[in-house]
Amino acid sequence: MMTALAIGLVLGVTVWWILIQRLMDKPWTRRGVLDGSQDGLTSSAPKVGLWLFMAMATSLFLIFNSAYLMRMGFGHGGLHPWVPLAEPGILWFNTFVLIAASAAMQTASGAARKGDIGGLRKYYTAGGVLSVVFLAGQLLAWRQLSATGQYGPSDPAYSFFILLTAMHGLHLLGGLWVLGRTATRVWRGLDAQNVVAVGKVRQSVRLCTTYWHFLLLVWLGLFTQLTIT
């Protein structure tokens, strides 16, 4: 019960922080042409694509979640009984690292909107590095479980743990590939006076930020489920 409350508190603080960052940007005070409006339908296509992809990814995770709950309650018929895992403590550290990565991405998005190239480079890179640290931590969690010698492929809880964390990690790796392409453009030299180039980078950073928030929420849901079951 206390674990569920702790995770709920972390989720609430994370959502609150994201909303505060959006309000501090005060988009209602802006005048003139809105960011990305000059691109017309071209700028809308990547947004629609991202939201469609996140919808499909959400459906996939919900399917796995349903299978997880069904298998947890089905321990007869010759199947291996469900034995809850003793989740490695490093998962808590990994969770806070991913929260920090999402926060760094949000800050980078704000820097991009303001035309702060230096801030964009710093926080966008920090978001990528923290995400890599998160993935390394997930691999370490796998090793810690395997090193106990108590779990194997025949253990359903262990198998689902590997499946769910691997699927989330693969989605994060895909995001890192897009992040890396944009980071390369930023670090090679981005002319703040080049409206078109800055607009493309700003849009890419904004989409990556949205995707990182999505991955954070997915992980918090998975982490809650793995911890309380």
Protein backbone atom coordinates (compact mmCIF):
# COMPACT_ATOMS: atom_id res chain seq x y z
CA MET A 1 0.00 0.00 0.00
CA MET A 2 2.77 2.42 0.91
CA THR A 3 4.59 1.57 -2.32
CA ALA A 4 1.49 2.37 -4.39
CA LEU A 5 1.08 5.68 -2.54
CA ALA A 6 4.75 6.56 -3.13
CA ILE A 7 4.45 5.85 -6.85
CA GLY A 8 1.20 7.83 -7.02
CA LEU A 9 2.95 10.76 -5.34
CA VAL A 10 5.82 10.60 -7.85
CA LEU A 11 3.34 10.51 -10.75
CA GLY A 12 1.37 13.45 -9.34
CA VAL A 13 4.49 15.58 -8.82
CA THR A 14 5.70 14.77 -12.34
CA VAL A 15 2.42 15.79 -14.00
CA TRP A 16 2.27 18.92 -11.82
CA TRP A 17 5.81 19.91 -12.83
CA ILE A 18 5.04 19.51 -16.54
CA LEU A 19 1.88 21.63 -16.23
CA ILE A 20 3.75 24.33 -14.30
CA GLN A 21 6.43 24.48 -17.00
CA ARG A 22 3.77 24.95 -19.67
CA LEU A 23 2.05 27.72 -17.71
CA MET A 24 5.33 29.50 -17.00
CA ASP A 25 5.90 29.72 -20.75
CA LYS A 26 2.71 31.90 -20.95
CA PRO A 27 1.78 31.06 -24.56
CA TRP A 28 -1.28 33.33 -24.34
CA THR A 29 0.99 36.39 -24.14
CA ARG A 30 2.72 35.72 -27.48
CA ARG A 31 2.03 37.92 -30.45
CA GLY A 32 2.63 37.53 -34.13
CA VAL A 33 3.16 34.27 -35.92
CA LEU A 34 2.90 31.17 -33.75
CA ASP A 35 5.76 28.66 -33.67
CA GLY A 36 5.48 26.24 -36.55
CA SER A 37 2.52 28.02 -38.15
CA GLN A 38 4.60 28.97 -41.18
CA ASP A 39 5.01 25.30 -42.02
CA GLY A 40 1.28 24.76 -42.46
CA LEU A 41 0.22 21.20 -43.05
CA THR A 42 3.84 20.05 -43.27
CA SER A 43 4.37 20.76 -39.57
CA SER A 44 1.11 18.99 -38.67
CA ALA A 45 2.02 15.69 -40.35
CA PRO A 46 4.80 14.71 -37.86
CA LYS A 47 2.51 15.58 -34.93
CA VAL A 48 -0.29 13.41 -36.27
CA GLY A 49 2.20 10.62 -36.97
CA LEU A 50 3.58 10.79 -33.45
CA TRP A 51 0.15 10.71 -31.82
CA LEU A 52 -0.91 7.78 -33.99
CA PHE A 53 2.27 5.92 -33.04
CA MET A 54 1.71 6.64 -29.33
CA ALA A 55 -1.87 5.41 -29.67
CA MET A 56 -0.65 2.14 -31.19
CA ALA A 57 2.07 1.80 -28.56
CA THR A 58 -0.50 2.39 -25.83
CA SER A 59 -2.69 -0.36 -27.29
CA LEU A 60 0.28 -2.71 -27.34
CA PHE A 61 1.15 -2.06 -23.71
CA LEU A 62 -2.50 -2.45 -22.70
CA ILE A 63 -2.59 -5.85 -24.42
CA PHE A 64 0.53 -6.93 -22.53
CA ASN A 65 -0.97 -5.55 -19.34
CA SER A 66 -4.13 -7.63 -19.84
CA ALA A 67 -2.05 -10.74 -20.54
CA TYR A 68 -0.01 -10.03 -17.40
CA LEU A 69 -3.09 -9.80 -15.18
CA MET A 70 -4.71 -12.86 -16.76
CA ARG A 71 -1.58 -14.99 -16.33
CA MET A 72 -1.12 -13.80 -12.77
CA GLY A 73 -4.54 -15.14 -11.84
CA PHE A 74 -4.18 -18.39 -13.79
CA GLY A 75 -1.88 -20.80 -11.99
CA HIS A 76 -3.48 -24.16 -12.62
CA GLY A 77 -3.80 -26.56 -15.53
CA GLY A 78 -0.18 -27.65 -15.33
CA LEU A 79 1.20 -24.12 -15.70
CA HIS A 80 3.98 -22.86 -13.51
CA PRO A 81 2.50 -21.03 -10.49
CA TRP A 82 2.80 -17.28 -10.30
CA VAL A 83 5.49 -16.24 -7.84
CA PRO A 84 5.80 -12.45 -7.36
CA LEU A 85 9.23 -11.03 -8.03
CA ALA A 86 11.37 -9.26 -5.48
CA GLU A 87 11.93 -6.24 -7.74
CA PRO A 88 15.48 -4.85 -7.60
CA GLY A 89 15.77 -1.61 -5.67
CA ILE A 90 17.56 -0.02 -8.63
CA LEU A 91 14.19 0.30 -10.35
CA TRP A 92 13.45 3.23 -8.03
CA PHE A 93 16.68 4.90 -9.08
CA ASN A 94 15.87 4.24 -12.74
CA THR A 95 12.44 5.80 -12.29
CA PHE A 96 13.85 9.03 -10.90
CA VAL A 97 16.45 9.10 -13.69
CA LEU A 98 13.69 8.88 -16.31
CA ILE A 99 11.77 11.64 -14.54
CA ALA A 100 14.92 13.79 -14.68
CA ALA A 101 15.31 12.96 -18.40
CA SER A 102 11.73 14.04 -19.07
CA ALA A 103 12.31 17.24 -17.09
CA ALA A 104 15.49 17.96 -19.08
CA MET A 105 13.59 17.46 -22.34
CA GLN A 106 10.88 19.86 -21.19
CA THR A 107 13.51 22.46 -20.32
CA ALA A 108 15.20 21.94 -23.69
CA SER A 109 11.87 22.47 -25.43
CA GLY A 110 11.44 25.74 -23.55
CA ALA A 111 14.95 26.83 -24.57
CA ALA A 112 14.15 26.01 -28.20
CA ARG A 113 11.02 28.15 -28.10
CA LYS A 114 13.04 31.07 -26.74
CA GLY A 115 15.83 30.63 -29.30
CA ASP A 116 18.34 29.80 -26.56
CA ILE A 117 20.69 27.54 -28.54
CA GLY A 118 23.09 27.11 -25.63
CA GLY A 119 20.33 25.98 -23.28
CA LEU A 120 18.91 23.73 -25.97
CA ARG A 121 22.25 21.97 -26.43
CA LYS A 122 22.79 21.52 -22.70
CA TYR A 123 19.38 20.23 -21.68
CA TYR A 124 18.69 18.23 -24.84
CA THR A 125 22.00 16.41 -24.40
CA ALA A 126 21.25 15.90 -20.70
CA GLY A 127 17.92 14.31 -21.61
CA GLY A 128 19.66 11.88 -23.94
CA VAL A 129 22.41 11.00 -21.46
CA LEU A 130 19.92 10.42 -18.64
CA SER A 131 17.87 8.18 -20.91
CA VAL A 132 20.94 6.07 -21.65
CA VAL A 133 21.60 5.85 -17.90
CA PHE A 134 18.02 4.65 -17.44
CA LEU A 135 18.51 1.89 -20.03
CA ALA A 136 21.79 0.86 -18.41
CA GLY A 137 19.98 0.70 -15.07
CA GLN A 138 17.30 -1.55 -16.58
CA LEU A 139 19.97 -3.92 -17.85
CA LEU A 140 21.54 -3.93 -14.39
CA ALA A 141 18.14 -4.83 -12.90
CA TRP A 142 17.99 -7.82 -15.28
CA ARG A 143 21.45 -8.92 -14.16
CA GLN A 144 20.57 -8.58 -10.49
CA LEU A 145 17.51 -10.78 -10.90
CA SER A 146 19.41 -13.33 -12.95
CA ALA A 147 22.28 -13.40 -10.44
CA THR A 148 19.97 -14.54 -7.64
CA GLY A 149 19.52 -17.88 -9.41
CA GLN A 150 15.88 -17.95 -8.27
CA TYR A 151 14.29 -17.05 -11.59
CA GLY A 152 14.31 -18.46 -15.09
CA PRO A 153 12.30 -18.54 -18.32
CA SER A 154 9.77 -20.89 -16.71
CA ASP A 155 8.84 -18.26 -14.10
CA PRO A 156 5.92 -16.25 -15.52
CA ALA A 157 6.50 -13.17 -13.34
CA TYR A 158 10.16 -13.03 -14.37
CA SER A 159 9.32 -13.57 -18.05
CA PHE A 160 6.75 -10.78 -18.01
CA PHE A 161 9.19 -8.48 -16.23
CA ILE A 162 11.74 -9.00 -18.99
CA LEU A 163 9.10 -8.64 -21.71
CA LEU A 164 7.55 -5.42 -20.38
CA THR A 165 10.83 -3.68 -19.57
CA ALA A 166 12.33 -4.78 -22.90
CA MET A 167 9.38 -3.40 -24.87
CA HIS A 168 9.60 -0.10 -23.02
CA GLY A 169 13.36 -0.02 -23.58
CA LEU A 170 12.96 -0.62 -27.32
CA HIS A 171 10.53 2.29 -27.57
CA LEU A 172 13.03 4.47 -25.73
CA LEU A 173 15.84 3.37 -28.05
CA GLY A 174 13.73 4.44 -31.03
CA GLY A 175 13.28 7.84 -29.42
CA LEU A 176 17.01 8.12 -28.79
CA TRP A 177 17.68 7.54 -32.50
CA VAL A 178 15.48 10.54 -33.39
CA LEU A 179 16.98 12.57 -30.54
CA GLY A 180 20.49 11.79 -31.76
CA ARG A 181 19.74 13.01 -35.28
CA THR A 182 18.40 16.31 -33.99
CA ALA A 183 21.24 16.69 -31.47
CA THR A 184 23.75 16.24 -34.28
CA ARG A 185 22.20 19.13 -36.19
CA VAL A 186 22.22 21.32 -33.09
CA TRP A 187 25.84 20.59 -32.16
CA ARG A 188 27.15 20.98 -35.71
CA GLY A 189 26.12 24.60 -35.58
CA LEU A 190 22.61 26.02 -35.68
CA ASP A 191 22.24 29.55 -36.97
CA ALA A 192 19.72 31.30 -34.74
CA GLN A 193 18.90 33.62 -37.65
CA ASN A 194 17.96 30.75 -39.95
CA VAL A 195 14.20 30.67 -39.31
CA VAL A 196 13.58 27.49 -41.31
CA ALA A 197 16.37 25.48 -39.67
CA VAL A 198 15.46 26.69 -36.18
CA GLY A 199 11.79 25.91 -36.84
CA LYS A 200 12.58 22.33 -37.84
CA VAL A 201 14.78 21.77 -34.81
CA ARG A 202 12.19 23.36 -32.52
CA GLN A 203 9.51 21.05 -33.86
CA SER A 204 11.70 17.97 -33.50
CA VAL A 205 12.57 18.89 -29.91
CA ARG A 206 8.90 19.50 -29.12
CA LEU A 207 7.88 16.12 -30.54
CA CYS A 208 10.70 14.33 -28.71
CA THR A 209 9.62 16.01 -25.48
CA THR A 210 6.05 14.83 -25.96
CA TYR A 211 7.31 11.31 -26.63
CA TRP A 212 9.54 11.34 -23.52
CA HIS A 213 6.60 12.40 -21.36
CA PHE A 214 4.61 9.55 -22.90
CA LEU A 215 7.37 7.03 -22.16
CA LEU A 216 7.63 8.32 -18.60
CA LEU A 217 3.90 7.84 -18.00
CA VAL A 218 4.05 4.35 -19.53
CA TRP A 219 6.97 3.42 -17.30
CA LEU A 220 5.26 4.77 -14.17
CA GLY A 221 2.26 2.60 -15.04
CA LEU A 222 4.44 -0.46 -15.60
CA PHE A 223 6.48 0.20 -12.49
CA THR A 224 3.34 0.51 -10.38
CA GLN A 225 1.97 -2.73 -11.76
CA LEU A 226 5.22 -4.65 -11.29
CA THR A 227 5.69 -3.34 -7.77
CA ILE A 228 2.21 -3.99 -6.35
CA THR A 229 1.79 -7.43 -7.98
